[in-house]
N, C-alpha and C. Protein backbone atom coordinates (compact mmCIF):
# COMPACT_ATOMS: atom_id res chain seq x y z
N GLU A 1 7.50 114.46 72.44
CA GLU A 1 7.76 113.21 73.17
C GLU A 1 7.80 112.02 72.20
N GLU A 2 6.79 111.95 71.34
CA GLU A 2 6.76 110.89 70.32
C GLU A 2 7.97 111.02 69.41
N PHE A 3 8.33 112.27 69.11
CA PHE A 3 9.49 112.57 68.27
C PHE A 3 10.75 111.93 68.88
N LYS A 4 10.95 112.17 70.17
CA LYS A 4 12.13 111.66 70.86
C LYS A 4 12.18 110.13 70.82
N THR A 5 11.04 109.52 71.04
CA THR A 5 10.94 108.06 71.02
C THR A 5 11.33 107.52 69.65
N LEU A 6 10.75 108.12 68.60
CA LEU A 6 11.06 107.68 67.23
C LEU A 6 12.55 107.86 66.91
N LYS A 7 13.09 109.00 67.34
CA LYS A 7 14.50 109.28 67.08
C LYS A 7 15.38 108.23 67.77
N ASN A 8 15.07 107.92 69.02
CA ASN A 8 15.85 106.92 69.76
C ASN A 8 15.73 105.54 69.13
N GLU A 9 14.54 105.20 68.66
CA GLU A 9 14.35 103.91 67.98
C GLU A 9 15.19 103.88 66.70
N GLY A 10 15.21 104.99 65.98
CA GLY A 10 16.03 105.08 64.77
C GLY A 10 17.50 104.90 65.09
N ASN A 11 17.95 105.56 66.16
CA ASN A 11 19.36 105.45 66.57
C ASN A 11 19.70 104.02 66.95
N ASP A 12 18.77 103.34 67.63
CA ASP A 12 19.02 101.94 68.01
C ASP A 12 19.16 101.06 66.78
N PHE A 13 18.30 101.30 65.77
CA PHE A 13 18.40 100.53 64.52
C PHE A 13 19.76 100.75 63.86
N VAL A 14 20.25 101.99 63.88
CA VAL A 14 21.55 102.30 63.27
C VAL A 14 22.64 101.48 63.98
N LYS A 15 22.60 101.47 65.31
CA LYS A 15 23.62 100.72 66.07
C LYS A 15 23.61 99.24 65.72
N LYS A 16 22.43 98.74 65.36
CA LYS A 16 22.30 97.31 65.01
C LYS A 16 22.57 97.07 63.53
N GLY A 17 22.82 98.17 62.78
CA GLY A 17 23.08 98.02 61.35
C GLY A 17 21.82 97.83 60.52
N LYS A 18 20.67 98.13 61.11
CA LYS A 18 19.39 98.01 60.39
C LYS A 18 19.02 99.38 59.81
N TYR A 19 19.65 99.70 58.69
CA TYR A 19 19.55 101.05 58.15
C TYR A 19 18.19 101.36 57.52
N GLU A 20 17.58 100.36 56.86
CA GLU A 20 16.26 100.58 56.26
C GLU A 20 15.25 100.96 57.34
N GLU A 21 15.28 100.21 58.46
CA GLU A 21 14.35 100.46 59.56
C GLU A 21 14.61 101.85 60.16
N ALA A 22 15.88 102.19 60.28
CA ALA A 22 16.24 103.50 60.83
C ALA A 22 15.73 104.62 59.93
N VAL A 23 15.87 104.47 58.62
CA VAL A 23 15.37 105.47 57.67
C VAL A 23 13.87 105.69 57.91
N ASN A 24 13.14 104.61 58.10
CA ASN A 24 11.69 104.72 58.33
C ASN A 24 11.39 105.51 59.59
N LYS A 25 12.14 105.24 60.66
CA LYS A 25 11.92 105.96 61.93
C LYS A 25 12.24 107.44 61.78
N TYR A 26 13.37 107.74 61.13
CA TYR A 26 13.75 109.14 60.95
C TYR A 26 12.74 109.87 60.06
N SER A 27 12.22 109.17 59.06
CA SER A 27 11.21 109.78 58.19
C SER A 27 9.95 110.10 58.98
N GLU A 28 9.58 109.22 59.90
CA GLU A 28 8.44 109.48 60.79
C GLU A 28 8.70 110.73 61.63
N CYS A 29 9.92 110.84 62.14
CA CYS A 29 10.30 112.02 62.93
C CYS A 29 10.09 113.30 62.14
N MET A 30 10.44 113.26 60.87
CA MET A 30 10.36 114.46 60.03
C MET A 30 8.93 114.94 59.86
N LYS A 31 7.99 114.00 59.94
CA LYS A 31 6.58 114.40 59.83
C LYS A 31 6.18 115.23 61.06
N LEU A 32 6.85 114.98 62.18
CA LEU A 32 6.54 115.70 63.42
C LEU A 32 7.33 116.99 63.56
N ASN A 33 8.56 117.00 63.00
CA ASN A 33 9.43 118.17 63.15
C ASN A 33 10.41 118.23 61.98
N THR A 34 10.23 119.22 61.12
CA THR A 34 11.11 119.32 59.94
C THR A 34 12.34 120.18 60.21
N LYS A 35 12.41 120.79 61.38
CA LYS A 35 13.51 121.73 61.67
C LYS A 35 14.69 121.06 62.37
N GLU A 36 14.53 119.83 62.80
CA GLU A 36 15.57 119.14 63.56
C GLU A 36 16.62 118.58 62.60
N CYS A 37 17.76 119.23 62.52
CA CYS A 37 18.79 118.86 61.54
C CYS A 37 19.40 117.47 61.80
N THR A 38 19.49 117.10 63.05
CA THR A 38 20.10 115.80 63.40
C THR A 38 19.41 114.65 62.69
N ILE A 39 18.11 114.75 62.57
CA ILE A 39 17.34 113.68 61.92
C ILE A 39 17.78 113.52 60.47
N TYR A 40 17.99 114.66 59.81
CA TYR A 40 18.40 114.62 58.40
C TYR A 40 19.82 114.07 58.24
N THR A 41 20.72 114.48 59.12
CA THR A 41 22.10 113.96 59.00
C THR A 41 22.14 112.48 59.37
N ASN A 42 21.31 112.08 60.32
CA ASN A 42 21.24 110.65 60.68
C ASN A 42 20.69 109.83 59.52
N ARG A 43 19.63 110.36 58.90
CA ARG A 43 19.04 109.63 57.78
C ARG A 43 20.03 109.60 56.61
N ALA A 44 20.76 110.68 56.42
CA ALA A 44 21.78 110.71 55.35
C ALA A 44 22.81 109.61 55.57
N LEU A 45 23.22 109.42 56.82
CA LEU A 45 24.17 108.35 57.14
C LEU A 45 23.60 106.99 56.71
N CYS A 46 22.34 106.76 57.03
CA CYS A 46 21.70 105.50 56.65
C CYS A 46 21.66 105.33 55.14
N TYR A 47 21.30 106.42 54.45
CA TYR A 47 21.27 106.35 52.99
C TYR A 47 22.65 106.03 52.43
N LEU A 48 23.69 106.59 53.01
CA LEU A 48 25.05 106.29 52.55
C LEU A 48 25.34 104.80 52.71
N LYS A 49 24.95 104.26 53.86
CA LYS A 49 25.18 102.83 54.13
C LYS A 49 24.41 101.95 53.14
N LEU A 50 23.28 102.48 52.66
CA LEU A 50 22.43 101.73 51.72
C LEU A 50 22.79 102.05 50.26
N TYR A 51 23.85 102.82 50.06
CA TYR A 51 24.31 103.24 48.72
C TYR A 51 23.26 104.09 48.00
N LYS A 52 22.44 104.81 48.77
CA LYS A 52 21.45 105.72 48.17
C LYS A 52 22.03 107.14 48.25
N TYR A 53 22.98 107.40 47.37
CA TYR A 53 23.77 108.63 47.46
C TYR A 53 22.95 109.88 47.15
N GLU A 54 22.06 109.78 46.18
CA GLU A 54 21.26 110.94 45.81
C GLU A 54 20.38 111.39 46.98
N GLU A 55 19.76 110.41 47.66
CA GLU A 55 18.91 110.72 48.82
C GLU A 55 19.74 111.32 49.95
N ALA A 56 20.92 110.76 50.15
CA ALA A 56 21.81 111.28 51.20
C ALA A 56 22.18 112.73 50.91
N LYS A 57 22.50 113.00 49.65
CA LYS A 57 22.87 114.36 49.25
C LYS A 57 21.70 115.33 49.49
N GLN A 58 20.50 114.91 49.16
CA GLN A 58 19.32 115.77 49.36
C GLN A 58 19.11 116.10 50.83
N ASP A 59 19.26 115.10 51.70
CA ASP A 59 19.11 115.36 53.15
C ASP A 59 20.16 116.36 53.63
N CYS A 60 21.39 116.19 53.16
CA CYS A 60 22.47 117.11 53.56
C CYS A 60 22.23 118.51 53.02
N ASP A 61 21.76 118.60 51.77
CA ASP A 61 21.44 119.91 51.19
C ASP A 61 20.39 120.62 52.05
N HIS A 62 19.39 119.86 52.49
CA HIS A 62 18.33 120.43 53.32
C HIS A 62 18.90 121.00 54.61
N VAL A 63 19.76 120.24 55.26
CA VAL A 63 20.37 120.70 56.53
C VAL A 63 21.18 121.96 56.29
N LEU A 64 21.96 121.99 55.22
CA LEU A 64 22.84 123.12 54.95
C LEU A 64 22.06 124.39 54.60
N GLN A 65 20.82 124.24 54.16
CA GLN A 65 19.98 125.42 53.93
C GLN A 65 19.56 126.03 55.27
N ILE A 66 19.43 125.18 56.29
CA ILE A 66 19.03 125.65 57.63
C ILE A 66 20.26 126.08 58.44
N GLU A 67 21.28 125.20 58.43
CA GLU A 67 22.53 125.45 59.18
C GLU A 67 23.69 125.36 58.21
N ASP A 68 24.14 126.50 57.72
CA ASP A 68 25.17 126.45 56.67
C ASP A 68 26.56 126.06 57.16
N SER A 69 26.69 125.79 58.46
CA SER A 69 28.01 125.38 58.96
C SER A 69 27.95 124.00 59.63
N ASN A 70 26.94 123.21 59.29
CA ASN A 70 26.79 121.89 59.89
C ASN A 70 27.84 120.94 59.31
N ILE A 71 28.83 120.60 60.14
CA ILE A 71 29.98 119.81 59.69
C ILE A 71 29.56 118.41 59.23
N LYS A 72 28.68 117.78 59.99
CA LYS A 72 28.22 116.43 59.60
C LYS A 72 27.57 116.46 58.23
N ALA A 73 26.76 117.48 57.98
CA ALA A 73 26.08 117.58 56.69
C ALA A 73 27.09 117.76 55.56
N PHE A 74 28.10 118.61 55.78
CA PHE A 74 29.15 118.81 54.76
C PHE A 74 29.88 117.50 54.49
N TYR A 75 30.26 116.83 55.56
CA TYR A 75 31.03 115.59 55.43
C TYR A 75 30.22 114.51 54.72
N ARG A 76 28.98 114.32 55.15
CA ARG A 76 28.16 113.27 54.55
C ARG A 76 27.78 113.60 53.13
N ARG A 77 27.62 114.90 52.83
CA ARG A 77 27.33 115.28 51.44
C ARG A 77 28.54 114.96 50.57
N ALA A 78 29.74 115.20 51.10
CA ALA A 78 30.95 114.88 50.34
C ALA A 78 31.01 113.38 50.06
N LEU A 79 30.67 112.57 51.05
CA LEU A 79 30.65 111.12 50.85
C LEU A 79 29.62 110.73 49.79
N ALA A 80 28.49 111.42 49.80
CA ALA A 80 27.44 111.15 48.81
C ALA A 80 27.94 111.49 47.41
N TYR A 81 28.59 112.65 47.27
CA TYR A 81 29.15 113.04 45.96
C TYR A 81 30.18 112.01 45.50
N LYS A 82 31.00 111.57 46.43
CA LYS A 82 32.03 110.58 46.09
C LYS A 82 31.36 109.29 45.60
N GLY A 83 30.32 108.87 46.31
CA GLY A 83 29.59 107.66 45.90
C GLY A 83 28.97 107.81 44.53
N LEU A 84 28.42 108.98 44.26
CA LEU A 84 27.80 109.23 42.95
C LEU A 84 28.87 109.20 41.86
N GLN A 85 30.04 109.75 42.14
CA GLN A 85 31.14 109.76 41.14
C GLN A 85 31.60 108.34 40.84
N VAL A 86 31.76 107.54 41.88
CA VAL A 86 32.21 106.15 41.69
C VAL A 86 31.18 105.39 40.86
N ARG A 87 29.90 105.61 41.19
CA ARG A 87 28.84 104.93 40.45
C ARG A 87 28.85 105.33 38.98
N LYS A 88 29.09 106.61 38.72
CA LYS A 88 29.13 107.10 37.33
C LYS A 88 30.27 106.43 36.58
N LYS A 89 31.43 106.34 37.23
CA LYS A 89 32.61 105.71 36.60
C LYS A 89 32.33 104.24 36.31
N ASN A 90 31.72 103.55 37.28
CA ASN A 90 31.42 102.14 37.09
C ASN A 90 30.44 101.92 35.94
N MET A 91 29.47 102.79 35.83
CA MET A 91 28.49 102.66 34.74
C MET A 91 29.13 102.94 33.39
N ALA A 92 30.06 103.88 33.39
CA ALA A 92 30.76 104.20 32.14
C ALA A 92 31.62 103.03 31.69
N GLY A 93 32.12 102.27 32.65
CA GLY A 93 33.01 101.16 32.34
C GLY A 93 32.29 99.90 31.90
N ILE A 94 30.99 99.87 32.04
CA ILE A 94 30.22 98.65 31.70
C ILE A 94 30.01 98.56 30.20
């Protein structure tokens, strides 16, 4: 029950564009239930919005270990890899 409440609060923060707050709510959810893949893909989305590509990739990797056909996890991991590549190029150019 507490899990559901935290998840909904996290989702509301995402809708408002408050990604840091949403990450905190989803992280709280994970303390209660580590098997719920949606929480990880939701948190990965927030990390992408915050340009935290490595964290997003880790969340997606975790989901894919549990559900190897999770489309959201594949897609968001690809976005994370893309972000990491762009960052590497930008750093090389400095």
